[in-house]
Amino acid sequence: MSIKVLIVDDSAVVRQVLSQVFDKASGIEVMDVANDPYMAMDKMKLHWPDVIVLDVEMPRMDGITFLKQLMATRPTPVVICSSLTQKGTDISMQALAAGAVEVIAKPAAGVKGFLEESANQLVMAVRSAAAARMNRMRVMPSASGAAPSGGSSAAALETRPKLSADAILSAPTGSNVFATTERIVAIGTSTGGTQALEAILTELPRTCPGLAIVQHMPEKFTRSFADRLNSLSQIEVKEASNGDRILPGRALIAPGGKHMMVKRSGAYYQVEVVDGPLVSRHKPSVDVLFRSAAKFAGRNALGVIMTGMGDDGAKGLKEMHDCGAKTIAQDEESCVVFGMPKEAIKLGAADEVMSLDMIAKAICRQG
């Protein structure tokens, strides 16, 4: 069965290019297109799509209002295709809060060329959204009245070789890290992860161990995401900068378009933010974060892999496990997409499999 897609965008060029991209992809069918939400609703009375690709700023009704109405009546996977301007990223954060499961960042200019060059990214985003189980979405109190509901695909280009974490740093040689009183937590997630991270971080006290987090999300979106979580949480949440210390009561989120690693510096841990190729078809990559935690923190770390499509982080979590770290995989019942945790469990990487509701408590025990 093909994934039926409805494209809602006021730009005729965007509708045309997106239709061409999806028509060429196997297993995806463009059901219809609409230039605004009112037209979309008329078309949806006849046929309901599996995935909606939605612009945010449109005439007559904006995408966020449409999205909220959709989620209140018949929750459906939505991929937001939004501008890279600051206004666009802020609005896209609101869209995630309203229930979108994926975000594609498009430039303010040169959109046609960008969409053509990003065909694989767009296809992967739609496939990831189609796999989302909307009944796993939660609505939680927050500053904007709703919680982020999903993650986003990083540039996942199927046509390129799938590189491992070897492209960034060498593998750990074993459990050779001495136990210390300094504890850290490494978390990796993708589709459904923005919501899952809010559920966890808003429950953590300021005394919790420091966290290093990879959430698959486009460049320029991670800062808005981190700022939003910071406004909702007791702990400090920030987009990581190179050299930031991993401190109790602080969560560092890898910037989109960069890899983030845990490094030991004297008596404390810090992060190193670096460029490089896609690893496991993502940048930032969970495998890179987890390998660095295995290598430089070992038994002093806790690794947590959560909701997301694909297998990024599965091998890295196994390396953490083999180096003496405690490891957790989110269970299928509470995942929006049970992909990454499933692959980690298959490798024997997880010491425990637990519900999202229990992970915050497990993190506090790590401290």
Protein backbone atom coordinates (compact mmCIF):
# COMPACT_ATOMS: atom_id res chain seq x y z
CA MET A 1 0.00 0.00 0.00
CA SER A 2 1.34 3.41 -0.98
CA ILE A 3 1.57 6.28 1.51
CA LYS A 4 -1.07 8.79 0.37
CA VAL A 5 0.18 12.39 0.72
CA LEU A 6 -1.73 15.68 0.67
CA ILE A 7 0.41 18.76 -0.03
CA VAL A 8 -0.89 22.03 1.42
CA ASP A 9 1.14 25.10 0.36
CA ASP A 10 0.19 28.46 -1.13
CA SER A 11 3.16 28.36 -3.53
CA ALA A 12 2.38 26.73 -6.88
CA VAL A 13 6.10 26.11 -7.41
CA VAL A 14 6.42 24.27 -4.08
CA ARG A 15 3.32 22.18 -4.80
CA GLN A 16 4.67 21.25 -8.23
CA VAL A 17 8.19 20.37 -7.07
CA LEU A 18 6.98 18.38 -4.05
CA SER A 19 4.56 16.46 -6.26
CA GLN A 20 7.39 15.57 -8.64
CA VAL A 21 9.64 14.47 -5.76
CA PHE A 22 7.03 12.20 -4.21
CA ASP A 23 5.75 10.81 -7.51
CA LYS A 24 9.27 9.53 -8.23
CA ALA A 25 9.56 7.82 -4.83
CA SER A 26 8.49 4.22 -4.48
CA GLY A 27 5.63 3.61 -2.08
CA ILE A 28 4.43 7.25 -2.01
CA GLU A 29 1.43 8.64 -3.90
CA VAL A 30 0.45 12.31 -4.04
CA MET A 31 -3.26 12.06 -3.30
CA ASP A 32 -3.92 15.74 -3.97
CA VAL A 33 -2.64 19.30 -3.48
CA ALA A 34 -4.25 22.39 -1.94
CA ASN A 35 -3.22 26.05 -1.79
CA ASP A 36 -4.70 26.64 1.67
CA PRO A 37 -6.29 24.73 4.59
CA TYR A 38 -9.87 25.47 3.46
CA MET A 39 -9.25 23.79 0.13
CA ALA A 40 -7.44 20.97 1.95
CA MET A 41 -10.45 20.35 4.19
CA ASP A 42 -12.76 20.15 1.16
CA LYS A 43 -10.51 17.56 -0.45
CA MET A 44 -10.20 15.58 2.79
CA LYS A 45 -13.98 15.17 2.91
CA LEU A 46 -13.60 12.88 -0.10
CA HIS A 47 -10.31 11.10 0.69
CA TRP A 48 -8.22 11.15 3.87
CA PRO A 49 -4.42 11.23 3.47
CA ASP A 50 -1.89 9.14 5.38
CA VAL A 51 0.48 12.13 5.67
CA ILE A 52 0.00 15.87 5.16
CA VAL A 53 2.93 18.04 4.04
CA LEU A 54 2.01 21.47 5.37
CA ASP A 55 3.29 25.01 4.98
CA VAL A 56 2.81 27.31 7.97
CA GLU A 57 2.28 30.81 6.60
CA MET A 58 -0.69 30.74 4.21
CA PRO A 59 -3.63 33.01 3.35
CA ARG A 60 -7.11 32.62 4.88
CA MET A 61 -5.91 30.17 7.56
CA ASP A 62 -2.38 29.61 8.87
CA GLY A 63 -0.95 26.13 9.14
CA ILE A 64 -0.86 26.05 12.93
CA THR A 65 -4.58 26.80 13.26
CA PHE A 66 -5.31 24.08 10.71
CA LEU A 67 -2.99 21.67 12.51
CA LYS A 68 -4.70 22.26 15.86
CA GLN A 69 -8.12 21.66 14.33
CA LEU A 70 -6.84 18.50 12.68
CA MET A 71 -5.35 17.10 15.89
CA ALA A 72 -8.55 17.86 17.81
CA THR A 73 -10.75 16.01 15.34
CA ARG A 74 -8.71 13.31 13.56
CA PRO A 75 -4.98 13.19 14.43
CA THR A 76 -2.96 12.65 11.26
CA PRO A 77 0.82 12.64 10.71
CA VAL A 78 1.93 16.07 9.51
CA VAL A 79 5.30 17.10 8.04
CA ILE A 80 5.92 20.83 8.37
CA CYS A 81 7.85 22.40 5.47
CA SER A 82 8.86 25.78 6.89
CA SER A 83 11.19 28.67 6.17
CA LEU A 84 14.64 28.87 7.75
CA THR A 85 14.08 32.45 8.88
CA GLN A 86 13.99 33.10 12.62
CA LYS A 87 10.27 33.74 12.35
CA GLY A 88 9.93 30.45 10.50
CA THR A 89 11.78 28.44 13.14
CA ASP A 90 9.75 29.95 15.98
CA ILE A 91 6.50 29.19 14.17
CA SER A 92 7.68 25.66 13.40
CA MET A 93 8.31 25.11 17.11
CA GLN A 94 4.69 26.08 17.66
CA ALA A 95 3.72 23.60 14.96
CA LEU A 96 5.61 20.83 16.73
CA ALA A 97 3.82 21.88 19.89
CA ALA A 98 0.50 21.59 18.08
CA GLY A 99 1.15 18.03 16.93
CA ALA A 100 3.44 17.91 13.87
CA VAL A 101 5.76 14.90 13.82
CA GLU A 102 8.38 16.04 11.30
CA VAL A 103 10.02 19.31 10.21
CA ILE A 104 11.74 20.11 6.93
CA ALA A 105 13.58 23.43 6.91
CA LYS A 106 13.40 25.24 3.57
CA PRO A 107 15.31 28.44 2.75
CA ALA A 108 13.58 31.77 2.30
CA ALA A 109 14.99 32.00 -1.25
CA GLY A 110 15.91 29.42 -3.86
CA VAL A 111 13.19 27.05 -2.66
CA LYS A 112 12.77 25.17 -5.96
CA GLY A 113 16.44 24.18 -6.12
CA PHE A 114 16.53 23.27 -2.45
CA LEU A 115 13.50 20.98 -2.70
CA GLU A 116 14.94 19.24 -5.75
CA GLU A 117 18.31 18.72 -4.01
CA SER A 118 16.60 17.54 -0.80
CA ALA A 119 14.39 14.91 -2.44
CA ASN A 120 15.67 12.04 -0.30
CA GLN A 121 15.30 14.08 2.87
CA LEU A 122 11.69 14.86 2.00
CA VAL A 123 10.91 11.24 1.15
CA MET A 124 12.47 10.00 4.40
CA ALA A 125 10.47 12.58 6.37
CA VAL A 126 7.19 11.38 4.84
CA ARG A 127 8.04 7.73 5.44
CA SER A 128 9.02 8.48 9.02
CA ALA A 129 5.79 10.42 9.60
CA ALA A 130 3.71 7.62 8.10
CA ALA A 131 5.21 5.23 10.67
CA ALA A 132 4.19 7.46 13.59
CA ARG A 133 1.48 6.13 15.87
CA MET A 134 -0.62 9.18 16.58
CA ASN A 135 -2.31 7.55 19.57
CA ARG A 136 1.07 7.74 21.35
CA MET A 137 1.04 11.54 21.13
CA ARG A 138 0.55 13.28 24.44
CA VAL A 139 -0.80 16.71 25.25
CA MET A 140 0.92 18.19 28.29
CA PRO A 141 0.66 21.61 29.93
CA SER A 142 3.26 24.04 28.65
CA ALA A 143 3.95 27.72 28.13
CA SER A 144 2.26 27.68 24.73
CA GLY A 145 -0.65 25.48 25.79
CA ALA A 146 0.65 22.28 24.23
CA ALA A 147 3.72 20.13 24.15
CA PRO A 148 5.98 19.39 21.21
CA SER A 149 4.72 16.25 19.58
CA GLY A 150 7.40 15.00 17.31
CA GLY A 151 10.92 14.97 16.09
CA SER A 152 12.34 15.74 12.72
CA SER A 153 14.46 14.03 10.18
CA ALA A 154 17.99 15.23 9.73
CA ALA A 155 19.27 15.10 6.18
CA ALA A 156 18.97 11.37 5.56
CA LEU A 157 20.32 10.81 2.07
CA GLU A 158 19.75 7.23 1.03
CA THR A 159 21.99 7.52 -2.00
CA ARG A 160 25.13 8.16 0.04
CA PRO A 161 27.09 5.41 1.80
CA LYS A 162 25.83 4.82 5.32
CA LEU A 163 28.85 5.76 7.44
CA SER A 164 29.42 4.53 10.98
CA ALA A 165 30.78 6.50 13.94
CA ASP A 166 34.26 5.49 12.73
CA ALA A 167 34.03 8.53 10.44
CA ILE A 168 34.20 10.81 13.50
CA LEU A 169 36.09 8.94 16.24
CA SER A 170 37.66 5.55 16.83
CA ALA A 171 35.87 2.80 18.71
CA PRO A 172 36.38 2.34 22.47
CA THR A 173 38.87 -0.36 23.41
CA GLY A 174 36.99 -1.68 26.44
CA SER A 175 35.82 -0.85 29.93
CA ASN A 176 38.91 1.07 30.96
CA VAL A 177 37.33 4.19 32.49
CA PHE A 178 37.64 4.46 36.27
CA ALA A 179 34.43 4.98 38.20
CA THR A 180 34.08 8.50 39.57
CA THR A 181 31.45 10.50 41.42
CA GLU A 182 30.82 12.54 38.26
CA ARG A 183 27.86 11.00 36.42
CA ILE A 184 26.42 11.96 33.04
CA VAL A 185 23.46 10.92 30.88
CA ALA A 186 23.48 10.58 27.08
CA ILE A 187 20.10 10.56 25.33
CA GLY A 188 19.31 9.92 21.66
CA THR A 189 15.96 10.25 19.91
CA SER A 190 14.25 11.17 16.64
CA THR A 191 10.61 11.08 15.48
CA GLY A 192 8.41 11.66 18.52
CA GLY A 193 11.44 12.80 20.48
CA THR A 194 10.55 16.44 21.01
CA GLN A 195 7.49 15.36 22.95
CA ALA A 196 9.34 12.59 24.79
CA LEU A 197 12.14 14.97 25.80
CA GLU A 198 9.65 17.48 27.15
CA ALA A 199 8.03 14.73 29.21
CA ILE A 200 11.40 13.84 30.74
CA LEU A 201 13.17 17.19 31.12
CA THR A 202 10.21 18.93 32.75
CA GLU A 203 10.24 16.23 35.45
CA LEU A 204 13.91 16.54 36.35
CA PRO A 205 15.08 18.43 39.45
CA ARG A 206 18.08 20.76 39.45
CA THR A 207 20.05 18.07 41.27
CA CYS A 208 19.86 15.63 38.34
CA PRO A 209 23.06 14.58 36.56
CA GLY A 210 24.16 16.53 33.49
CA LEU A 211 22.69 15.45 30.16
CA ALA A 212 23.98 15.43 26.58
CA ILE A 213 21.17 15.00 24.04
CA VAL A 214 20.91 14.32 20.33
CA GLN A 215 17.48 15.00 18.83
CA HIS A 216 17.34 14.68 15.05
CA MET A 217 16.31 18.18 14.03
CA PRO A 218 17.31 20.58 11.23
CA GLU A 219 19.95 23.25 11.61
CA LYS A 220 18.64 26.48 13.20
CA PHE A 221 15.71 24.67 14.83
CA THR A 222 17.58 23.21 17.79
CA ARG A 223 18.17 26.59 19.44
CA SER A 224 14.46 27.45 19.43
CA PHE A 225 13.70 23.95 20.69
CA ALA A 226 16.23 24.21 23.52
CA ASP A 227 15.03 27.69 24.49
CA ARG A 228 11.47 26.45 24.67
CA LEU A 229 12.38 23.50 26.88
CA ASN A 230 14.44 25.80 29.07
CA SER A 231 11.36 27.95 29.67
CA LEU A 232 9.37 24.89 30.80
CA SER A 233 11.96 23.08 32.93
CA GLN A 234 13.54 23.50 36.35
CA ILE A 235 16.90 22.53 34.86
CA GLU A 236 18.89 24.60 32.38
CA VAL A 237 18.39 23.50 28.76
CA LYS A 238 20.55 25.01 26.03
CA GLU A 239 21.80 24.35 22.54
CA ALA A 240 25.34 23.09 23.03
CA SER A 241 28.39 25.13 22.12
CA ASN A 242 31.84 23.63 21.76
CA GLY A 243 33.47 23.28 25.18
CA ASP A 244 30.27 23.56 27.24
CA ARG A 245 30.56 21.65 30.50
CA ILE A 246 28.11 18.87 31.31
CA LEU A 247 26.94 19.95 34.74
CA PRO A 248 24.30 18.71 37.19
CA GLY A 249 20.99 20.35 36.40
CA ARG A 250 21.97 21.15 32.79
CA ALA A 251 20.91 19.55 29.50
CA LEU A 252 22.93 20.26 26.35
CA ILE A 253 21.18 19.66 23.03
CA ALA A 254 23.34 18.99 19.97
CA PRO A 255 22.98 21.75 17.37
CA GLY A 256 21.38 20.72 14.11
CA GLY A 257 23.93 20.11 11.37
CA LYS A 258 26.77 19.28 13.82
CA HIS A 259 27.93 16.21 15.70
CA MET A 260 28.30 16.35 19.47
CA MET A 261 30.67 14.23 21.56
CA VAL A 262 31.28 13.78 25.26
CA LYS A 263 34.88 14.38 26.28
CA ARG A 264 36.67 14.09 29.64
CA SER A 265 38.57 17.21 30.71
CA GLY A 266 40.40 16.76 33.99
CA ALA A 267 37.83 16.15 36.70
CA TYR A 268 34.78 17.01 34.63
CA TYR A 269 33.00 16.31 31.35
CA GLN A 270 32.37 18.68 28.49
CA VAL A 271 31.04 18.47 24.95
CA GLU A 272 32.89 18.84 21.69
CA VAL A 273 30.81 20.09 18.76
CA VAL A 274 32.29 19.22 15.37
CA ASP A 275 31.40 19.13 11.70
CA GLY A 276 31.80 16.03 9.59
CA PRO A 277 29.92 13.63 7.32
CA LEU A 278 26.53 12.15 8.09
CA VAL A 279 26.79 9.16 10.43
CA SER A 280 24.01 6.58 10.28
CA ARG A 281 22.64 9.10 7.75
CA HIS A 282 22.24 11.80 10.41
CA LYS A 283 24.04 14.89 11.68
CA PRO A 284 23.91 15.09 14.63
CA SER A 285 24.16 11.34 15.07
CA VAL A 286 23.17 9.42 18.19
CA ASP A 287 25.83 6.82 17.39
CA VAL A 288 28.54 9.49 17.60
CA LEU A 289 27.27 10.76 20.96
CA PHE A 290 26.92 7.27 22.42
CA ARG A 291 30.34 6.10 21.18
CA SER A 292 32.00 9.13 22.77
CA ALA A 293 30.15 8.43 26.04
CA ALA A 294 31.31 4.82 25.92
CA LYS A 295 34.90 5.84 25.24
CA PHE A 296 35.32 8.72 27.67
CA ALA A 297 32.70 8.10 30.37
CA GLY A 298 32.13 4.34 30.37
CA ARG A 299 30.62 3.15 33.65
CA ASN A 300 30.10 6.77 34.71
CA ALA A 301 27.39 7.22 32.07
CA LEU A 302 23.78 6.27 31.49
CA GLY A 303 22.64 5.83 27.90
CA VAL A 304 18.99 6.25 26.90
CA ILE A 305 17.62 5.55 23.40
CA MET A 306 14.08 6.67 22.69
CA THR A 307 11.41 6.93 20.01
CA GLY A 308 12.60 7.32 16.44
CA MET A 309 12.71 5.72 13.02
CA GLY A 310 15.75 3.82 11.81
CA ASP A 311 18.71 2.49 13.77
CA ASP A 312 20.86 5.49 14.67
CA GLY A 313 22.17 4.96 18.20
CA ALA A 314 21.65 1.19 18.41
CA LYS A 315 25.31 0.31 17.87
CA GLY A 316 26.45 3.21 20.03
CA LEU A 317 24.25 2.08 22.92
CA LYS A 318 25.76 -1.42 22.61
CA GLU A 319 29.21 0.14 22.89
CA MET A 320 28.14 2.00 26.03
CA HIS A 321 26.75 -1.24 27.46
CA ASP A 322 29.97 -3.11 26.68
CA CYS A 323 32.03 -0.37 28.35
CA GLY A 324 30.11 -0.67 31.62
CA ALA A 325 27.50 2.06 31.23
CA LYS A 326 23.91 1.51 32.30
CA THR A 327 21.60 1.52 29.30
CA ILE A 328 17.86 2.02 28.78
CA ALA A 329 15.59 1.65 25.75
CA GLN A 330 12.11 3.15 25.65
CA ASP A 331 9.40 0.49 25.38
CA GLU A 332 7.23 -0.04 22.32
CA GLU A 333 4.00 0.93 24.06
CA SER A 334 5.13 4.51 24.79
CA CYS A 335 7.07 5.13 21.53
CA VAL A 336 5.63 7.15 18.67
CA VAL A 337 7.96 5.15 16.38
CA PHE A 338 9.51 1.98 17.80
CA GLY A 339 12.50 1.91 15.46
CA MET A 340 15.69 3.02 17.19
CA PRO A 341 14.87 1.36 20.55
CA LYS A 342 13.83 -1.85 18.78
CA GLU A 343 17.16 -2.08 16.95
CA ALA A 344 19.08 -1.46 20.18
CA ILE A 345 17.12 -4.16 22.00
CA LYS A 346 17.82 -6.61 19.14
CA LEU A 347 21.56 -6.00 19.60
CA GLY A 348 21.36 -6.71 23.33
CA ALA A 349 22.32 -3.10 24.04
CA ALA A 350 19.67 -2.31 26.66
CA ASP A 351 19.97 -3.29 30.32
CA GLU A 352 16.37 -2.20 30.82
CA VAL A 353 13.34 -1.53 28.64
CA MET A 354 10.97 0.92 30.24
CA SER A 355 8.05 3.27 29.66
CA LEU A 356 8.65 6.94 28.98
CA ASP A 357 7.00 7.69 32.33
CA MET A 358 9.79 5.87 34.19
CA ILE A 359 12.84 7.32 32.42
CA ALA A 360 13.06 10.57 34.41
CA LYS A 361 13.19 8.57 37.66
CA ALA A 362 15.91 6.34 36.22
CA ILE A 363 17.95 9.43 35.29
CA CYS A 364 17.67 10.76 38.82
CA ARG A 365 18.92 7.44 40.18
CA GLN A 366 22.01 7.82 37.97
CA GLY A 367 23.02 10.83 40.05
